[in-house]
Amino acid sequence: MQNGLKAIDFMYYVATPEFIGKWNEAKKGELICRMERAIGGLPQFESIEAMLGQMDDAGVEKVFITQTKMWSYWNKWMYMDTSLEEVTQYTLQYPDRFEGLAGYNPFRIKESLREIERGVKEYGFKGVYMHIYGFDIPLHDARMYPLYAKCVELDVPVSMQVGHVLEAMPSEHARPIYLDRIACDFPELKIVGAHTGWPWVEELISVCYKWDNIYLGIDAWLPKYLKPEIIQYIDSRMGQDRCLWGTNGLPWKKSLEQVGELGLREDSKRKLLRDNAVQLFKL
C-alpha cells in the first residue's frame, strides 16, 4: 500500500484445501444459478502460510475469518457449517494477522448463542457474521432477535450480507431497509451491512445516514464496479467514518490497487481501509 498503510479485510472465509474440498462436495446436488457458475468457487490456499504471503505482497495486515453458516434453500440442510476450530486454526496460530467472526443458525438458537459466547469469550472473536438467505427468513425475523440481543450483551458488532445473493436463494430477505427496524429495536447494536446492499445501494446508504450504529461494507465487489453513490458516500463527511473495506475472497492486490484509483481523499481512504475497522471491532 502507498504511504505504508496496512489494510484490514473485514470479510473472508476459511480457505484451506480441506475446507474448500468439503464445500465443493456439499455443493453437489445443489441448484447453481448462472452468476455463481460464472464467478466460480471460493478462493483457497495450499497453506495458511501461503495465504500470509499473498497478504504481505498486497499490503494487508489483518483478515477476518468468518464462521459462516449457510442453509440450503434448495435441499434444506446446513451445507456450510463452519466450526469454531476451522476459524481458530488461523486466529490462534497467527493472532496478529487473523481475527474471528462467529456464526449463527436461527434454527438452532440456544446452541448458536452458546457457541457465539464461547467464540467471543474464550477465543477473542470480534463479532458475528450472518448469511440469512437460505434460511428463508428476513433479517428482522423474530428468530434473529436473540442474536442481536446477545451481540449487545457481548458488546460486539454483527455483520450481515445485505442485497443480492450470489447463490440460488431469494435475495429479498436481506433488503438493507430491514436494518432500519433492527436499529429501532437495538439502538446499541453495531451493525455492518456487508456486500454493498446492491441493487438496493441507496437503501443501505439511507440507513447509514439515519443511524449512528450502521456501517457499510464494500466487500464482494471490485472497487471499479462500485456504484458512484457508494464512492461519494465513502468520501463524504457523513460517510467517511462508516465504511469498511473487505474482499469476500476477491484478490487483495487488485482490490487495493482499484481503491487507489477511486480518487478518494487520503483521510477517507485511510479510514476505509483500516481506521474504521480498528474502531468498530476494537482492534
Protein backbone atom coordinates (compact mmCIF):
# COMPACT_ATOMS: atom_id res chain seq x y z
CA MET A 1 0.00 0.00 0.00
CA GLN A 2 1.04 3.57 -0.62
CA ASN A 3 2.45 5.54 2.33
CA GLY A 4 2.99 2.32 4.27
CA LEU A 5 -0.71 1.93 5.09
CA LYS A 6 -1.62 -1.66 6.02
CA ALA A 7 -5.18 -2.66 5.15
CA ILE A 8 -7.68 -4.73 7.17
CA ASP A 9 -10.04 -7.08 5.30
CA PHE A 10 -13.17 -7.49 7.44
CA MET A 11 -14.72 -10.28 5.32
CA TYR A 12 -13.09 -13.59 4.34
CA TYR A 13 -13.70 -17.33 4.60
CA VAL A 14 -11.79 -20.39 5.69
CA ALA A 15 -9.59 -21.04 2.66
CA THR A 16 -7.75 -24.29 3.38
CA PRO A 17 -7.86 -27.08 0.77
CA GLU A 18 -9.64 -29.31 3.30
CA PHE A 19 -12.43 -26.81 3.89
CA ILE A 20 -12.88 -25.96 0.21
CA GLY A 21 -12.94 -29.66 -0.66
CA LYS A 22 -15.73 -30.22 1.87
CA TRP A 23 -17.61 -27.20 0.49
CA ASN A 24 -17.30 -28.38 -3.11
CA GLU A 25 -18.62 -31.80 -2.12
CA ALA A 26 -21.56 -30.20 -0.32
CA LYS A 27 -22.45 -28.19 -3.43
CA LYS A 28 -23.08 -31.35 -5.45
CA GLY A 29 -26.82 -31.71 -5.98
CA GLU A 30 -27.45 -28.05 -5.19
CA LEU A 31 -29.17 -25.67 -7.56
CA ILE A 32 -26.46 -23.45 -9.09
CA CYS A 33 -27.54 -20.22 -10.75
CA ARG A 34 -25.94 -18.50 -13.72
CA MET A 35 -23.91 -15.94 -11.79
CA GLU A 36 -22.44 -18.46 -9.35
CA ARG A 37 -21.29 -20.63 -12.27
CA ALA A 38 -19.69 -17.61 -13.94
CA ILE A 39 -17.76 -16.47 -10.88
CA GLY A 40 -16.67 -19.91 -9.66
CA GLY A 41 -15.92 -21.22 -6.19
CA LEU A 42 -14.36 -19.80 -3.07
CA PRO A 43 -10.62 -18.97 -3.03
CA GLN A 44 -8.19 -21.43 -1.48
CA PHE A 45 -4.53 -21.52 -0.48
CA GLU A 46 -2.30 -24.54 -0.17
CA SER A 47 -1.46 -23.42 3.37
CA ILE A 48 -2.13 -20.59 5.78
CA GLU A 49 1.50 -19.55 5.29
CA ALA A 50 0.87 -19.20 1.54
CA MET A 51 -2.15 -17.04 2.34
CA LEU A 52 0.02 -14.84 4.57
CA GLY A 53 2.48 -14.45 1.72
CA GLN A 54 -0.22 -13.03 -0.55
CA MET A 55 -1.42 -10.75 2.24
CA ASP A 56 2.10 -9.42 2.71
CA ASP A 57 2.56 -8.92 -1.02
CA ALA A 58 -0.66 -6.88 -1.21
CA GLY A 59 -0.09 -4.87 1.96
CA VAL A 60 -2.82 -6.48 4.06
CA GLU A 61 -2.07 -6.66 7.77
CA LYS A 62 -5.15 -8.45 9.07
CA VAL A 63 -8.01 -10.57 7.72
CA PHE A 64 -11.29 -11.53 9.42
CA ILE A 65 -12.22 -15.20 9.00
CA THR A 66 -15.95 -15.89 9.28
CA GLN A 67 -17.56 -18.94 10.85
CA THR A 68 -20.09 -18.97 8.04
CA LYS A 69 -23.28 -20.99 8.42
CA MET A 70 -25.39 -21.39 5.27
CA TRP A 71 -28.68 -23.26 4.95
CA SER A 72 -29.56 -24.68 1.54
CA TYR A 73 -32.78 -23.12 0.24
CA TRP A 74 -32.96 -25.88 -2.38
CA ASN A 75 -32.22 -29.04 -0.37
CA LYS A 76 -32.98 -27.79 3.17
CA TRP A 77 -29.82 -28.69 5.03
CA MET A 78 -26.82 -26.92 6.55
CA TYR A 79 -24.43 -27.21 3.64
CA MET A 80 -21.86 -24.81 5.04
CA ASP A 81 -21.47 -25.23 8.78
CA THR A 82 -18.07 -23.80 9.66
CA SER A 83 -16.79 -24.87 13.07
CA LEU A 84 -15.04 -22.73 15.65
CA GLU A 85 -11.94 -24.86 15.19
CA GLU A 86 -11.83 -24.17 11.44
CA VAL A 87 -11.55 -20.47 12.31
CA THR A 88 -9.24 -20.78 15.33
CA GLN A 89 -6.63 -22.62 13.23
CA TYR A 90 -5.96 -19.13 11.86
CA THR A 91 -6.57 -16.93 14.88
CA LEU A 92 -4.66 -18.95 17.46
CA GLN A 93 -1.61 -19.58 15.31
CA TYR A 94 -1.39 -16.03 13.92
CA PRO A 95 -3.25 -13.74 16.34
CA ASP A 96 -1.69 -10.60 14.87
CA ARG A 97 -2.86 -11.43 11.34
CA PHE A 98 -6.31 -13.01 11.72
CA GLU A 99 -9.50 -12.23 13.64
CA GLY A 100 -12.57 -14.43 14.00
CA LEU A 101 -16.26 -13.75 13.46
CA ALA A 102 -18.69 -16.29 14.91
CA GLY A 103 -21.68 -17.71 13.03
CA TYR A 104 -25.39 -18.07 13.78
CA ASN A 105 -28.06 -20.62 12.89
CA PRO A 106 -31.56 -19.22 13.57
CA PHE A 107 -32.94 -22.78 13.51
CA ARG A 108 -30.69 -23.73 16.46
CA ILE A 109 -30.87 -20.64 18.63
CA LYS A 110 -29.72 -21.87 22.05
CA GLU A 111 -26.80 -23.85 20.65
CA SER A 112 -25.74 -20.95 18.44
CA LEU A 113 -25.81 -18.42 21.28
CA ARG A 114 -23.66 -20.69 23.44
CA GLU A 115 -21.17 -21.08 20.60
CA ILE A 116 -21.06 -17.33 19.95
CA GLU A 117 -20.37 -16.67 23.62
CA ARG A 118 -17.61 -19.26 23.58
CA GLY A 119 -16.09 -17.77 20.43
CA VAL A 120 -16.05 -14.26 21.87
CA LYS A 121 -15.09 -15.03 25.47
CA GLU A 122 -12.70 -17.96 25.01
CA TYR A 123 -11.19 -17.26 21.59
CA GLY A 124 -11.43 -13.49 21.33
CA PHE A 125 -13.71 -13.39 18.27
CA LYS A 126 -14.59 -9.81 17.38
CA GLY A 127 -18.20 -10.23 16.32
CA VAL A 128 -20.68 -12.34 14.34
CA TYR A 129 -21.30 -12.82 10.62
CA MET A 130 -24.76 -13.81 9.32
CA HIS A 131 -25.78 -15.17 5.90
CA ILE A 132 -29.60 -15.12 6.05
CA TYR A 133 -30.76 -16.13 2.59
CA GLY A 134 -31.13 -19.90 2.59
CA PHE A 135 -32.95 -19.90 5.91
CA ASP A 136 -35.81 -18.17 4.06
CA ILE A 137 -36.48 -15.65 6.81
CA PRO A 138 -35.85 -11.87 6.78
CA LEU A 139 -33.13 -10.15 8.78
CA HIS A 140 -35.76 -8.70 11.14
CA ASP A 141 -37.43 -12.07 11.83
CA ALA A 142 -38.10 -12.89 15.49
CA ARG A 143 -35.59 -15.76 15.29
CA MET A 144 -32.84 -13.23 14.63
CA TYR A 145 -33.56 -11.11 17.68
CA PRO A 146 -31.80 -13.43 20.18
CA LEU A 147 -28.63 -12.96 18.11
CA TYR A 148 -28.92 -9.18 18.23
CA ALA A 149 -29.55 -9.21 21.96
CA LYS A 150 -26.52 -11.48 22.52
CA CYS A 151 -24.30 -9.17 20.45
CA VAL A 152 -25.42 -6.19 22.54
CA GLU A 153 -24.72 -8.18 25.72
CA LEU A 154 -21.23 -9.14 24.49
CA ASP A 155 -20.65 -5.66 23.02
CA VAL A 156 -19.61 -6.98 19.59
CA PRO A 157 -20.84 -5.99 16.09
CA VAL A 158 -22.90 -8.17 13.80
CA SER A 159 -22.00 -8.19 10.10
CA MET A 160 -24.73 -9.28 7.70
CA GLN A 161 -24.72 -9.68 3.94
CA VAL A 162 -27.40 -7.40 2.52
CA GLY A 163 -28.73 -7.06 -1.01
CA HIS A 164 -28.36 -9.53 -3.86
CA VAL A 165 -27.11 -13.04 -3.08
CA LEU A 166 -24.89 -14.97 -5.48
CA GLU A 167 -26.31 -18.41 -4.67
CA ALA A 168 -29.67 -19.83 -5.81
CA MET A 169 -31.61 -18.32 -2.91
CA PRO A 170 -34.12 -15.44 -2.67
CA SER A 171 -32.42 -12.07 -2.18
CA GLU A 172 -35.49 -10.28 -0.79
CA HIS A 173 -34.87 -11.37 2.82
CA ALA A 174 -31.80 -9.12 3.06
CA ARG A 175 -33.16 -5.80 1.88
CA PRO A 176 -30.95 -3.18 3.56
CA ILE A 177 -34.03 -1.25 4.70
CA TYR A 178 -34.68 -4.06 7.20
CA LEU A 179 -31.69 -2.78 9.15
CA ASP A 180 -33.78 0.28 9.95
CA ARG A 181 -36.24 -1.75 12.05
CA ILE A 182 -33.38 -3.64 13.74
CA ALA A 183 -31.69 -0.37 14.69
CA CYS A 184 -35.00 0.90 16.09
CA ASP A 185 -35.23 -2.11 18.39
CA PHE A 186 -31.50 -2.41 19.16
CA PRO A 187 -30.04 1.12 19.16
CA GLU A 188 -26.91 -0.13 20.93
CA LEU A 189 -26.22 -2.88 18.38
CA LYS A 190 -23.37 -2.18 15.96
CA ILE A 191 -24.43 -3.40 12.50
CA VAL A 192 -22.42 -3.85 9.30
CA GLY A 193 -24.38 -4.07 6.06
CA ALA A 194 -21.89 -6.11 4.03
CA HIS A 195 -21.63 -6.64 0.25
CA THR A 196 -22.76 -3.04 -0.57
CA GLY A 197 -26.50 -3.81 -0.49
CA TRP A 198 -26.67 -3.89 -4.32
CA PRO A 199 -29.08 -3.46 -6.06
CA TRP A 200 -30.56 -1.55 -3.10
CA VAL A 201 -27.44 0.54 -2.53
CA GLU A 202 -29.42 3.68 -1.76
CA GLU A 203 -31.36 1.83 0.94
CA LEU A 204 -28.12 0.89 2.71
CA ILE A 205 -26.73 4.40 2.43
CA SER A 206 -30.01 5.82 3.75
CA VAL A 207 -29.96 3.71 6.93
CA CYS A 208 -26.28 4.55 7.44
CA TYR A 209 -27.19 8.24 7.23
CA LYS A 210 -30.06 7.73 9.67
CA TRP A 211 -28.39 5.64 12.37
CA ASP A 212 -25.08 6.08 14.20
CA ASN A 213 -24.68 2.32 14.61
CA ILE A 214 -24.95 1.09 10.99
CA TYR A 215 -21.88 0.68 8.75
CA LEU A 216 -21.44 -0.08 5.03
CA GLY A 217 -19.12 -2.81 3.75
CA ILE A 218 -17.80 -2.63 0.17
CA ASP A 219 -16.70 -6.29 0.17
CA ALA A 220 -17.57 -8.76 -2.62
CA TRP A 221 -17.17 -6.07 -5.30
CA LEU A 222 -14.02 -4.97 -7.04
CA PRO A 223 -13.86 -1.22 -6.38
CA LYS A 224 -14.01 -0.25 -10.06
CA TYR A 225 -17.56 -1.66 -10.14
CA LEU A 226 -18.84 0.26 -7.10
CA LYS A 227 -21.81 2.50 -7.77
CA PRO A 228 -20.96 6.21 -7.82
CA GLU A 229 -23.26 6.74 -4.83
CA ILE A 230 -21.04 4.49 -2.70
CA ILE A 231 -17.83 6.22 -3.75
CA GLN A 232 -19.42 9.59 -2.96
CA TYR A 233 -20.56 8.30 0.44
CA ILE A 234 -17.10 6.93 1.30
CA ASP A 235 -15.59 10.34 0.58
CA SER A 236 -18.29 12.39 2.32
CA ARG A 237 -18.20 13.96 5.76
CA MET A 238 -21.14 11.79 6.88
CA GLY A 239 -19.84 8.57 5.37
CA GLN A 240 -16.07 8.51 5.74
CA ASP A 241 -16.29 7.11 9.30
CA ARG A 242 -18.84 4.43 8.39
CA CYS A 243 -17.38 2.40 5.52
CA LEU A 244 -15.26 -0.76 5.65
CA TRP A 245 -13.05 -2.41 3.05
CA GLY A 246 -13.21 -6.16 2.53
CA THR A 247 -12.88 -8.63 -0.31
CA ASN A 248 -15.09 -11.66 0.38
CA GLY A 249 -12.33 -13.61 -1.36
CA LEU A 250 -11.52 -11.27 -4.25
CA PRO A 251 -7.79 -10.68 -4.90
CA TRP A 252 -6.35 -8.32 -2.31
CA LYS A 253 -3.77 -6.65 -4.55
CA LYS A 254 -6.21 -5.93 -7.38
CA SER A 255 -8.84 -4.62 -4.96
CA LEU A 256 -6.40 -2.29 -3.21
CA GLU A 257 -5.00 -1.03 -6.49
CA GLN A 258 -8.51 -0.16 -7.59
CA VAL A 259 -9.26 1.60 -4.29
CA GLY A 260 -6.24 3.77 -5.08
CA GLU A 261 -7.80 4.68 -8.42
CA LEU A 262 -11.13 5.89 -6.98
CA GLY A 263 -9.84 9.40 -6.35
CA LEU A 264 -10.62 9.32 -2.61
CA ARG A 265 -9.13 11.84 -0.23
CA GLU A 266 -6.28 10.36 1.79
CA ASP A 267 -8.16 10.55 5.09
CA SER A 268 -11.22 8.84 3.56
CA LYS A 269 -9.04 6.10 2.09
CA ARG A 270 -7.21 5.51 5.37
CA LYS A 271 -10.50 5.22 7.27
CA LEU A 272 -11.99 2.87 4.68
CA LEU A 273 -9.01 0.53 4.56
CA ARG A 274 -8.05 0.48 8.22
CA ASP A 275 -9.16 3.04 10.81
CA ASN A 276 -12.89 2.30 10.77
CA ALA A 277 -12.31 -1.42 11.27
CA VAL A 278 -9.91 -0.72 14.15
CA GLN A 279 -12.51 1.48 15.82
CA LEU A 280 -15.58 -0.71 15.18
CA PHE A 281 -14.03 -4.06 16.14
CA LYS A 282 -11.84 -2.63 18.93
CA LEU A 283 -8.59 -3.93 17.44
